[in-house]
Amino acid sequence: MISLFDIFKVGIGPSSSHTVGPMRAAARFAEECAALGQTAAGGAVAQIRVTLYGSLAWTATGHATDKAVILGLCGAHPETVQPDQTEAMVAHVRATGSLPAWGDRAPVRFQPDVDILLDKETQPPKHPNTLQFEAFDVQGALLLAARFCSVGGGFIVSEEAVESSSYTMPDVPYDFRSGADLLALTQKTGLSIAQLVFRNECALRPAADVVAHLDHIAAIMMQCIERGLAQDGILPGKLRVKRRAHALYERLKEKDQRNSSLPHEIMDWVSLFAIAVNEENAAGGRVVTAPTNGAAGVVPAVLRYYRDYCQTCHQSSSHEYDQGAGQKGGPEGSQTYGGRSDGEEASEAFRYGMRDFLLTAAALGSLFKLNASISGAEVGCQGEVGVASSMAAAGLAAVLGATPAQVENAAEIAMEHHLGMTCDPVGGLVQIPCIERNAFGAIKAINAASLALCGDGEHRVSLDQVVQTMAETGRDMNHRYKETSLGGLAMNFPEC
């Protein structure tokens, strides 16, 4: 399995593959340059050049890949950089034509308009999201070079390791690489999926750290929803897309106050939560990759649905978290609308449930990452919103009392009905159709969990078969429909 610390990462928008991954790669290269001593070739690093290939080149501006590279070379990391400071950092580099000094070294020449090359012709040999870094001394001699692949969800690997890298966690008591493995372990041990994953994580780090990470991720998700509900105005980019979440929130709140809502309008709240997150992502705000930025709204929206509307249906393996006791109260940013009165905090029982939800979702996300892909540039949006919907369906089913077999069924249903979904962002921006697509992914997740709970876990098509089908479909998909903005809606939108 892949750790939940890798499946759920804090970053900034708009894209995990095109923003978070390149920023991490650039920061790693900057660290290597800073550690580079004087060489016989001519001395310390004086200039850096970056080449973006494939999908990274085609959508560099819309996905803010150029800005991400600049930020990473400045030493910024997606987990800690302040979104409201990024524009000033990028502007300073553009104005001075240099990067900040690394340690006691002189500033390094870097002119983004000249030193970031967009190679749209060369087909990268290992992965469509490939970027190359080169460091030169003052006389122009090459001192250091590295190529990285951004393989989805903010994961980066060196190009030479992209086909051979192993994601198996070391020394965990319940290792699994397929849905069949996971179900067999639950049957053998009598543990839930959440319990299995929690015990694996606790074999690698203190239980308190695992609990703290779960609560932190839940808090960031809820805060992101709140920020999205409060913001208004126009999203960055040439499409001039107007934010809708705030106005939609005001309309739904007014209907709630008049007590005039129809039962199905709970789904409007779910859609609102997803839209709020993805508008924040599109604006370069702080989000949780779940499993990617482009799909960052699905899991938070369904988690919020559980927290706000499922108070009487709670099921949790709360005793598992006794080792991590001390995390009390509701998540930060726990003000709620629609399902409960404003300002009411999630109960401790619901905090346990939210942990179970995220642990279960992480287990399912790891299966897709291991056996297929979560990269839109590799398999289309089925690997992003499709996987997020599958994760959310599994998490929701688990906390509503599903058996492990029903949880697996919920994940299978959600992905089965995202198979073949293309990634064709209009204008290279993570806005159209990405924002609305997250809302539909969240609704499908709830429907999938509900259908699975109506059954007994027995079904003809297994999750593993759907994962394999998703991988094969992605391989067969024309590259124009895999995050290049060269086909589909991206080409047929008349104003672009």
Protein backbone atom coordinates (compact mmCIF):
# COMPACT_ATOMS: atom_id res chain seq x y z
CA MET A 1 0.00 0.00 0.00
CA ILE A 2 0.95 3.64 -0.38
CA SER A 3 0.88 5.74 2.77
CA LEU A 4 -2.04 8.06 3.41
CA PHE A 5 0.66 10.71 3.95
CA ASP A 6 1.33 10.41 0.20
CA ILE A 7 -2.26 10.03 -0.98
CA PHE A 8 -3.41 13.10 0.98
CA LYS A 9 -0.89 15.91 0.68
CA VAL A 10 -1.32 19.62 1.31
CA GLY A 11 -0.43 21.76 -1.69
CA ILE A 12 -1.51 24.76 -3.73
CA GLY A 13 -3.54 24.95 -6.91
CA PRO A 14 -4.23 24.59 -9.66
CA SER A 15 -2.72 21.16 -10.48
CA SER A 16 -0.95 18.40 -8.58
CA SER A 17 0.78 17.06 -11.70
CA HIS A 18 1.53 20.45 -13.24
CA THR A 19 1.99 22.66 -10.17
CA VAL A 20 2.73 20.63 -7.03
CA GLY A 21 4.94 18.03 -8.74
CA PRO A 22 7.07 20.53 -10.70
CA MET A 23 7.48 22.71 -7.60
CA ARG A 24 8.73 19.72 -5.61
CA ALA A 25 11.09 18.74 -8.44
CA ALA A 26 12.45 22.28 -8.71
CA ALA A 27 12.94 22.52 -4.93
CA ARG A 28 14.82 19.22 -4.95
CA PHE A 29 17.08 20.41 -7.77
CA ALA A 30 17.68 23.70 -5.94
CA GLU A 31 18.79 21.73 -2.88
CA GLU A 32 21.16 19.68 -5.01
CA CYS A 33 22.59 22.86 -6.52
CA ALA A 34 23.02 24.43 -3.10
CA ALA A 35 24.97 21.37 -1.97
CA LEU A 36 27.17 21.39 -5.05
CA GLY A 37 30.72 22.39 -4.12
CA GLN A 38 33.34 24.08 -6.21
CA THR A 39 34.27 21.92 -9.18
CA ALA A 40 37.16 21.69 -11.57
CA ALA A 41 34.73 22.56 -14.35
CA GLY A 42 34.62 26.17 -13.26
CA GLY A 43 32.99 26.79 -9.91
CA ALA A 44 29.56 27.25 -8.40
CA VAL A 45 26.21 27.33 -10.14
CA ALA A 46 25.70 30.62 -11.98
CA GLN A 47 22.70 29.88 -14.20
CA ILE A 48 19.81 27.40 -14.39
CA ARG A 49 17.75 26.31 -17.36
CA VAL A 50 14.51 24.31 -17.25
CA THR A 51 12.86 22.44 -20.11
CA LEU A 52 9.23 21.34 -19.91
CA TYR A 53 8.10 18.48 -22.15
CA GLY A 54 4.80 16.97 -23.23
CA SER A 55 1.71 17.90 -21.30
CA LEU A 56 3.72 20.22 -19.04
CA ALA A 57 4.75 22.27 -22.07
CA TRP A 58 1.31 22.39 -23.68
CA THR A 59 -0.46 23.73 -20.59
CA ALA A 60 2.41 25.44 -18.75
CA THR A 61 0.74 28.81 -18.31
CA GLY A 62 -2.80 27.60 -17.63
CA HIS A 63 -1.60 25.12 -15.01
CA ALA A 64 0.93 27.62 -13.56
CA THR A 65 3.80 25.20 -14.17
CA ASP A 66 6.13 28.10 -14.96
CA LYS A 67 5.28 29.75 -11.64
CA ALA A 68 5.67 26.46 -9.80
CA VAL A 69 9.17 25.97 -11.20
CA ILE A 70 10.16 29.50 -10.16
CA LEU A 71 8.79 28.98 -6.65
CA GLY A 72 10.54 25.63 -6.27
CA LEU A 73 13.86 27.05 -7.41
CA CYS A 74 13.38 29.78 -4.80
CA GLY A 75 13.21 27.01 -2.19
CA ALA A 76 9.43 27.01 -1.72
CA HIS A 77 7.56 23.79 -1.01
CA PRO A 78 3.86 23.25 -1.83
CA GLU A 79 3.07 22.08 1.70
CA THR A 80 4.30 25.27 3.36
CA VAL A 81 4.35 28.11 0.82
CA GLN A 82 1.79 30.82 1.56
CA PRO A 83 -0.56 31.20 -1.44
CA ASP A 84 -0.90 34.97 -0.91
CA GLN A 85 2.87 35.38 -1.20
CA THR A 86 3.51 33.41 -4.38
CA GLU A 87 2.78 36.21 -6.86
CA ALA A 88 5.27 38.53 -5.15
CA MET A 89 7.96 35.83 -5.15
CA VAL A 90 7.46 35.13 -8.86
CA ALA A 91 7.37 38.85 -9.71
CA HIS A 92 10.67 39.42 -7.88
CA VAL A 93 12.43 36.70 -9.90
CA ARG A 94 11.03 38.04 -13.15
CA ALA A 95 12.06 41.61 -12.28
CA THR A 96 15.61 40.77 -11.15
CA GLY A 97 16.34 37.90 -13.54
CA SER A 98 17.82 35.90 -10.70
CA LEU A 99 16.99 33.45 -7.95
CA PRO A 100 17.54 34.26 -4.28
CA ALA A 101 20.98 33.37 -2.95
CA TRP A 102 21.35 29.81 -1.67
CA GLY A 103 23.21 29.98 1.62
CA ASP A 104 26.34 32.12 1.23
CA ARG A 105 26.38 31.88 -2.55
CA ALA A 106 25.65 34.70 -4.94
CA PRO A 107 22.22 34.90 -6.59
CA VAL A 108 21.85 32.58 -9.59
CA ARG A 109 20.85 33.94 -12.97
CA PHE A 110 17.40 32.81 -14.01
CA GLN A 111 15.25 34.70 -16.51
CA PRO A 112 11.97 32.76 -16.74
CA ASP A 113 11.05 34.00 -20.22
CA VAL A 114 14.39 32.75 -21.54
CA ASP A 115 15.38 29.96 -19.17
CA ILE A 116 12.07 28.05 -19.08
CA LEU A 117 11.81 26.27 -22.42
CA LEU A 118 8.54 24.74 -23.63
CA ASP A 119 9.39 21.76 -25.82
CA LYS A 120 6.11 20.77 -27.46
CA GLU A 121 7.75 18.64 -30.15
CA THR A 122 9.89 16.10 -28.29
CA GLN A 123 7.98 13.08 -27.06
CA PRO A 124 9.31 12.32 -23.57
CA PRO A 125 10.40 8.67 -23.44
CA LYS A 126 9.02 7.62 -20.06
CA HIS A 127 6.10 9.87 -19.02
CA PRO A 128 4.12 12.73 -20.63
CA ASN A 129 4.85 14.99 -17.63
CA THR A 130 8.63 15.30 -17.85
CA LEU A 131 10.84 18.25 -16.92
CA GLN A 132 14.58 18.74 -17.15
CA PHE A 133 16.85 20.94 -15.02
CA GLU A 134 20.36 22.03 -15.98
CA ALA A 135 22.82 24.05 -13.89
CA PHE A 136 25.77 25.87 -15.48
CA ASP A 137 28.81 27.64 -14.10
CA VAL A 138 29.76 31.21 -14.98
CA GLN A 139 31.54 30.03 -18.15
CA GLY A 140 28.54 28.05 -19.38
CA ALA A 141 29.83 24.60 -18.53
CA LEU A 142 27.20 22.10 -17.40
CA LEU A 143 27.63 21.27 -13.72
CA LEU A 144 24.48 19.32 -12.92
CA ALA A 145 21.48 17.93 -14.77
CA ALA A 146 18.38 16.05 -13.70
CA ARG A 147 15.12 14.92 -15.28
CA PHE A 148 11.98 14.27 -13.29
CA CYS A 149 8.57 12.87 -14.10
CA SER A 150 5.48 14.25 -12.36
CA VAL A 151 3.41 11.09 -12.21
CA GLY A 152 0.19 12.36 -10.62
CA GLY A 153 -1.00 13.50 -7.22
CA GLY A 154 2.17 15.53 -6.64
CA PHE A 155 4.38 12.42 -6.82
CA ILE A 156 7.72 12.93 -8.58
CA VAL A 157 10.34 10.37 -9.56
CA SER A 158 13.55 10.61 -11.52
CA GLU A 159 13.09 9.73 -15.17
CA GLU A 160 15.36 6.69 -14.93
CA ALA A 161 13.31 5.34 -12.02
CA VAL A 162 9.82 6.01 -13.35
CA GLU A 163 9.26 2.44 -14.60
CA SER A 164 11.03 0.62 -11.81
CA SER A 165 10.10 2.59 -8.71
CA SER A 166 8.41 0.63 -5.92
CA TYR A 167 5.71 2.11 -3.73
CA THR A 168 5.49 -0.78 -1.29
CA MET A 169 5.75 0.45 2.28
CA PRO A 170 8.40 -1.37 4.32
CA ASP A 171 7.63 -3.57 7.28
CA VAL A 172 3.87 -3.04 7.55
CA PRO A 173 1.79 -5.79 9.15
CA TYR A 174 -0.96 -5.80 6.50
CA ASP A 175 0.54 -5.13 3.08
CA PHE A 176 -1.83 -5.29 0.11
CA ARG A 177 -1.53 -4.58 -3.59
CA SER A 178 -5.05 -5.32 -4.84
CA GLY A 179 -8.67 -5.21 -3.81
CA ALA A 180 -8.62 -8.98 -3.46
CA ASP A 181 -5.65 -8.73 -1.08
CA LEU A 182 -7.45 -6.11 0.96
CA LEU A 183 -10.66 -8.11 1.29
CA ALA A 184 -8.71 -11.26 2.17
CA LEU A 185 -6.94 -9.39 4.98
CA THR A 186 -10.21 -8.10 6.42
CA GLN A 187 -11.68 -11.59 6.34
CA LYS A 188 -8.61 -13.13 7.93
CA THR A 189 -8.23 -10.55 10.70
CA GLY A 190 -11.78 -9.34 11.28
CA LEU A 191 -10.50 -5.77 11.00
CA SER A 192 -12.08 -3.02 8.96
CA ILE A 193 -10.19 -1.42 6.08
CA ALA A 194 -9.66 1.70 8.21
CA GLN A 195 -8.24 -0.37 11.05
CA LEU A 196 -5.84 -2.18 8.72
CA VAL A 197 -4.55 1.06 7.25
CA PHE A 198 -4.26 2.73 10.65
CA ARG A 199 -2.20 -0.15 12.02
CA ASN A 200 0.05 -0.08 8.96
CA GLU A 201 0.64 3.64 9.40
CA CYS A 202 1.36 3.16 13.10
CA ALA A 203 4.04 0.61 12.19
CA LEU A 204 5.91 3.43 10.42
CA ARG A 205 5.39 6.39 12.76
CA PRO A 206 3.86 7.19 16.17
CA ALA A 207 0.10 6.80 16.38
CA ALA A 208 -0.24 10.39 17.55
CA ASP A 209 1.42 11.55 14.32
CA VAL A 210 -1.02 9.50 12.23
CA VAL A 211 -4.01 10.90 14.11
CA ALA A 212 -2.63 14.43 13.86
CA HIS A 213 -2.19 14.07 10.08
CA LEU A 214 -5.73 12.76 9.63
CA ASP A 215 -7.17 15.63 11.65
CA HIS A 216 -4.96 18.14 9.83
CA ILE A 217 -6.10 16.88 6.43
CA ALA A 218 -9.77 17.02 7.49
CA ALA A 219 -9.26 20.54 8.86
CA ILE A 220 -7.58 21.79 5.65
CA MET A 221 -10.42 20.31 3.59
CA MET A 222 -13.07 22.02 5.69
CA GLN A 223 -11.15 25.32 5.70
CA CYS A 224 -10.89 25.16 1.92
CA ILE A 225 -14.66 24.78 1.64
CA GLU A 226 -15.15 27.77 3.95
CA ARG A 227 -12.75 29.94 1.95
CA GLY A 228 -14.44 28.96 -1.27
CA LEU A 229 -17.86 29.85 0.11
CA ALA A 230 -16.63 33.29 1.19
CA GLN A 231 -14.80 34.34 -2.00
CA ASP A 232 -16.29 36.13 -4.96
CA GLY A 233 -14.95 37.60 -8.18
CA ILE A 234 -13.17 36.27 -11.27
CA LEU A 235 -10.82 33.30 -11.40
CA PRO A 236 -7.33 33.86 -12.85
CA GLY A 237 -6.78 33.21 -16.55
CA LYS A 238 -8.02 34.26 -19.94
CA LEU A 239 -11.41 32.56 -19.62
CA ARG A 240 -12.52 35.11 -17.00
CA VAL A 241 -14.64 32.48 -15.22
CA LYS A 242 -16.79 33.96 -12.46
CA ARG A 243 -16.75 32.25 -9.07
CA ARG A 244 -20.16 30.75 -8.36
CA ALA A 245 -19.83 29.17 -4.92
CA HIS A 246 -20.53 32.29 -2.87
CA ALA A 247 -23.69 33.23 -4.77
CA LEU A 248 -24.89 29.63 -4.76
CA TYR A 249 -24.27 29.44 -1.02
CA GLU A 250 -26.34 32.58 -0.40
CA ARG A 251 -29.24 31.20 -2.44
CA LEU A 252 -29.19 27.82 -0.70
CA LYS A 253 -28.95 29.40 2.74
CA GLU A 254 -31.91 31.63 1.96
CA LYS A 255 -33.98 28.62 0.90
CA ASP A 256 -33.01 26.82 4.11
CA GLN A 257 -34.12 29.82 6.17
CA ARG A 258 -37.48 29.84 4.37
CA ASN A 259 -37.74 26.09 4.95
CA SER A 260 -38.60 25.71 1.28
CA SER A 261 -35.99 23.20 0.20
CA LEU A 262 -36.89 19.97 -1.55
CA PRO A 263 -35.27 16.74 -0.29
CA HIS A 264 -33.03 16.34 -3.33
CA GLU A 265 -31.55 19.80 -2.75
CA ILE A 266 -29.19 18.30 -0.19
CA MET A 267 -27.26 17.33 -3.30
CA ASP A 268 -27.02 21.03 -4.19
CA TRP A 269 -25.10 21.51 -0.96
CA VAL A 270 -22.77 18.66 -1.88
CA SER A 271 -22.19 20.21 -5.30
CA LEU A 272 -21.58 23.56 -3.62
CA PHE A 273 -18.92 22.11 -1.34
CA ALA A 274 -17.07 20.56 -4.29
CA ILE A 275 -17.33 23.73 -6.38
CA ALA A 276 -16.04 25.85 -3.48
CA VAL A 277 -12.91 23.70 -3.18
CA ASN A 278 -12.15 23.62 -6.87
CA GLU A 279 -12.63 27.33 -7.30
CA GLU A 280 -10.04 27.77 -4.55
CA ASN A 281 -7.80 25.33 -6.40
CA ALA A 282 -8.25 27.21 -9.67
CA ALA A 283 -7.27 30.42 -7.87
CA GLY A 284 -4.02 28.89 -6.61
CA GLY A 285 -5.26 28.44 -3.04
CA ARG A 286 -4.33 25.79 -0.49
CA VAL A 287 -6.00 22.42 -1.08
CA VAL A 288 -5.46 18.77 -0.28
CA THR A 289 -4.49 16.53 -3.19
CA ALA A 290 -7.21 13.91 -2.94
CA PRO A 291 -5.71 12.22 -4.85
CA THR A 292 -4.97 15.16 -7.20
CA ASN A 293 -5.63 18.89 -7.26
CA GLY A 294 -7.90 18.67 -10.29
CA ALA A 295 -10.08 16.27 -8.28
CA ALA A 296 -9.52 17.97 -4.92
CA GLY A 297 -13.20 18.80 -4.32
CA VAL A 298 -14.74 15.33 -4.41
CA VAL A 299 -13.51 13.81 -1.14
CA PRO A 300 -13.99 17.02 0.91
CA ALA A 301 -17.54 17.45 -0.43
CA VAL A 302 -18.54 13.89 0.48
CA LEU A 303 -16.74 14.11 3.82
CA ARG A 304 -18.67 17.31 4.56
CA TYR A 305 -21.90 15.58 3.51
CA TYR A 306 -21.16 12.84 6.02
CA ARG A 307 -20.34 15.33 8.76
CA ASP A 308 -23.36 17.59 8.19
CA TYR A 309 -26.11 15.18 7.14
CA CYS A 310 -25.35 11.70 8.46
CA GLN A 311 -25.46 12.27 12.21
CA THR A 312 -27.76 9.32 12.91
CA CYS A 313 -25.87 6.85 10.71
CA HIS A 314 -22.41 7.01 12.24
CA GLN A 315 -20.24 3.88 12.43
CA SER A 316 -16.64 4.10 13.66
CA SER A 317 -13.78 1.94 14.89
CA SER A 318 -13.01 4.68 17.43
CA HIS A 319 -11.06 2.46 19.79
CA GLU A 320 -8.28 2.33 17.21
CA TYR A 321 -7.44 5.96 17.93
CA ASP A 322 -6.94 5.60 21.69
CA GLN A 323 -3.18 5.56 21.06
CA GLY A 324 -3.48 8.98 19.48
CA ALA A 325 -5.70 10.49 22.14
CA GLY A 326 -5.42 14.16 22.85
CA GLN A 327 -6.92 15.42 19.61
CA LYS A 328 -10.13 16.95 20.93
CA GLY A 329 -12.92 19.09 19.51
CA GLY A 330 -14.14 19.65 15.98
CA PRO A 331 -11.88 20.30 13.00
CA GLU A 332 -10.67 23.81 12.41
CA GLY A 333 -13.02 25.67 10.13
CA SER A 334 -15.92 23.53 11.32
CA GLN A 335 -18.62 26.15 10.84
CA THR A 336 -21.45 24.46 9.00
CA TYR A 337 -24.37 25.37 6.77
CA GLY A 338 -27.40 23.43 5.64
CA GLY A 339 -27.16 20.28 7.75
CA ARG A 340 -26.56 21.79 11.21
CA SER A 341 -26.72 25.16 12.91
CA ASP A 342 -23.91 27.63 12.23
CA GLY A 343 -20.88 27.25 14.46
CA GLU A 344 -21.71 23.77 15.78
CA GLU A 345 -18.56 21.69 16.01
CA ALA A 346 -18.26 18.11 14.89
CA SER A 347 -18.59 15.76 17.85
CA GLU A 348 -15.70 13.56 18.92
CA ALA A 349 -17.57 10.58 17.48
CA PHE A 350 -17.72 12.30 14.12
CA ARG A 351 -14.05 13.12 14.32
CA TYR A 352 -13.42 9.38 14.65
CA GLY A 353 -15.69 8.81 11.69
CA MET A 354 -13.87 11.35 9.57
CA ARG A 355 -10.62 9.53 10.34
CA ASP A 356 -12.18 6.22 9.29
CA PHE A 357 -13.44 7.88 6.10
CA LEU A 358 -9.99 9.19 5.15
CA LEU A 359 -8.17 5.97 6.03
CA THR A 360 -10.57 3.93 3.90
CA ALA A 361 -10.38 6.39 1.03
CA ALA A 362 -6.58 6.32 1.17
CA ALA A 363 -6.55 2.54 0.89
CA LEU A 364 -8.61 2.66 -2.29
CA GLY A 365 -6.59 5.53 -3.73
CA SER A 366 -3.39 3.56 -3.20
CA LEU A 367 -4.76 0.67 -5.28
CA PHE A 368 -5.35 2.94 -8.25
CA LYS A 369 -1.95 4.54 -7.84
CA LEU A 370 -0.21 1.15 -7.64
CA ASN A 371 -2.07 -0.65 -10.42
CA ALA A 372 -3.19 2.07 -12.83
CA SER A 373 -2.61 5.82 -12.53
CA ILE A 374 -3.92 8.99 -10.94
CA SER A 375 -2.39 11.21 -13.63
CA GLY A 376 -4.71 12.98 -16.06
CA ALA A 377 -1.80 13.26 -18.49
CA GLU A 378 -1.43 9.49 -18.41
CA VAL A 379 -5.01 8.13 -18.31
CA GLY A 380 -7.35 11.12 -18.60
CA CYS A 381 -9.75 12.43 -15.98
CA GLN A 382 -10.90 8.92 -15.07
CA GLY A 383 -7.62 8.81 -13.13
CA GLU A 384 -8.43 12.01 -11.27
CA VAL A 385 -12.14 12.66 -10.66
CA GLY A 386 -12.88 8.97 -11.27
CA VAL A 387 -10.42 7.84 -8.62
CA ALA A 388 -11.53 10.58 -6.23
CA SER A 389 -15.15 9.48 -6.60
CA SER A 390 -14.17 5.87 -5.95
CA MET A 391 -12.22 6.89 -2.85
CA ALA A 392 -15.09 9.02 -1.55
CA ALA A 393 -17.64 6.28 -2.18
CA ALA A 394 -15.54 3.80 -0.22
CA GLY A 395 -15.00 6.23 2.65
CA LEU A 396 -18.67 7.12 2.91
CA ALA A 397 -19.84 3.51 2.71
CA ALA A 398 -17.41 2.55 5.47
CA VAL A 399 -18.62 5.18 7.94
CA LEU A 400 -22.24 4.37 7.17
CA GLY A 401 -21.69 0.80 8.35
CA ALA A 402 -20.74 -1.06 5.17
CA THR A 403 -18.88 -4.35 5.33
CA PRO A 404 -15.48 -4.44 3.60
CA ALA A 405 -17.13 -6.22 0.66
CA GLN A 406 -19.71 -3.42 0.38
CA VAL A 407 -16.94 -0.83 0.61
CA GLU A 408 -15.12 -2.52 -2.28
CA ASN A 409 -18.39 -2.62 -4.21
CA ALA A 410 -18.98 1.10 -3.64
CA ALA A 411 -15.51 1.92 -4.96
CA GLU A 412 -16.07 -0.32 -7.98
CA ILE A 413 -19.44 1.25 -8.82
CA ALA A 414 -18.08 4.79 -8.67
CA MET A 415 -15.12 4.08 -10.95
CA GLU A 416 -17.08 1.93 -13.38
CA HIS A 417 -19.15 4.97 -14.28
CA HIS A 418 -16.16 7.24 -14.84
CA LEU A 419 -14.36 4.88 -17.24
CA GLY A 420 -13.14 6.65 -20.36
CA MET A 421 -13.50 10.18 -18.99
CA THR A 422 -11.14 12.44 -20.91
CA CYS A 423 -9.04 15.30 -19.58
CA ASP A 424 -9.48 18.27 -21.95
CA PRO A 425 -9.26 21.46 -19.88
CA VAL A 426 -10.37 24.53 -21.81
CA GLY A 427 -7.50 26.96 -22.25
CA GLY A 428 -5.21 24.70 -20.23
CA LEU A 429 -6.93 25.96 -17.07
CA VAL A 430 -8.28 23.75 -14.30
CA GLN A 431 -11.69 25.42 -14.56
CA ILE A 432 -13.89 24.20 -17.43
CA PRO A 433 -15.08 21.43 -17.11
CA CYS A 434 -13.00 20.58 -14.04
CA ILE A 435 -14.88 22.54 -11.36
CA GLU A 436 -18.35 21.20 -12.20
CA ARG A 437 -16.91 17.75 -12.83
CA ASN A 438 -15.90 17.53 -9.17
CA ALA A 439 -19.50 18.22 -8.16
CA PHE A 440 -20.72 15.35 -10.30
CA GLY A 441 -17.98 13.08 -8.99
CA ALA A 442 -19.14 13.77 -5.44
CA ILE A 443 -22.78 13.03 -6.29
CA LYS A 444 -21.78 9.78 -8.01
CA ALA A 445 -19.78 8.80 -4.93
CA ILE A 446 -22.80 9.21 -2.66
CA ASN A 447 -24.98 7.27 -5.08
CA ALA A 448 -22.39 4.49 -5.35
CA ALA A 449 -22.16 4.18 -1.56
CA SER A 450 -25.93 4.07 -1.30
CA LEU A 451 -26.27 1.36 -3.96
CA ALA A 452 -23.54 -0.71 -2.33
CA LEU A 453 -25.22 -0.46 1.08
CA CYS A 454 -28.46 -1.73 -0.49
CA GLY A 455 -26.66 -4.93 -1.51
CA ASP A 456 -24.75 -7.58 0.35
CA GLY A 457 -21.34 -6.97 -1.19
CA GLU A 458 -21.73 -9.64 -3.88
CA HIS A 459 -21.25 -8.31 -7.42
CA ARG A 460 -20.07 -9.61 -10.78
CA VAL A 461 -17.36 -7.07 -11.65
CA SER A 462 -14.58 -6.71 -9.10
CA LEU A 463 -12.74 -3.53 -8.22
CA ASP A 464 -9.50 -5.06 -9.50
CA GLN A 465 -11.10 -5.69 -12.90
CA VAL A 466 -12.27 -2.08 -13.05
CA VAL A 467 -8.80 -0.81 -12.08
CA GLN A 468 -7.26 -2.91 -14.86
CA THR A 469 -9.87 -1.65 -17.33
CA MET A 470 -9.15 1.96 -16.34
CA ALA A 471 -5.43 1.44 -16.95
CA GLU A 472 -6.05 -0.17 -20.35
CA THR A 473 -8.52 2.54 -21.36
CA GLY A 474 -5.97 5.19 -20.43
CA ARG A 475 -3.29 3.54 -22.54
CA ASP A 476 -5.64 3.41 -25.53
CA MET A 477 -6.83 7.01 -25.16
CA ASN A 478 -5.52 9.46 -27.74
CA HIS A 479 -2.94 11.79 -26.21
CA ARG A 480 -5.03 14.82 -27.23
CA TYR A 481 -7.53 13.89 -24.51
CA LYS A 482 -4.94 13.55 -21.75
CA GLU A 483 -4.37 17.01 -20.29
CA THR A 484 -2.85 18.60 -23.38
CA SER A 485 -5.84 20.84 -24.23
CA LEU A 486 -5.42 19.67 -27.84
CA GLY A 487 -8.77 17.93 -28.24
CA GLY A 488 -12.34 17.61 -27.08
CA LEU A 489 -13.98 20.47 -25.24
CA ALA A 490 -10.71 22.39 -25.14
CA MET A 491 -10.78 22.69 -28.95
CA ASN A 492 -14.52 23.03 -29.47
CA PHE A 493 -15.13 25.83 -26.98
CA PRO A 494 -15.86 28.72 -29.38
CA GLU A 495 -14.32 31.55 -27.34
CA CYS A 496 -10.97 29.91 -26.74
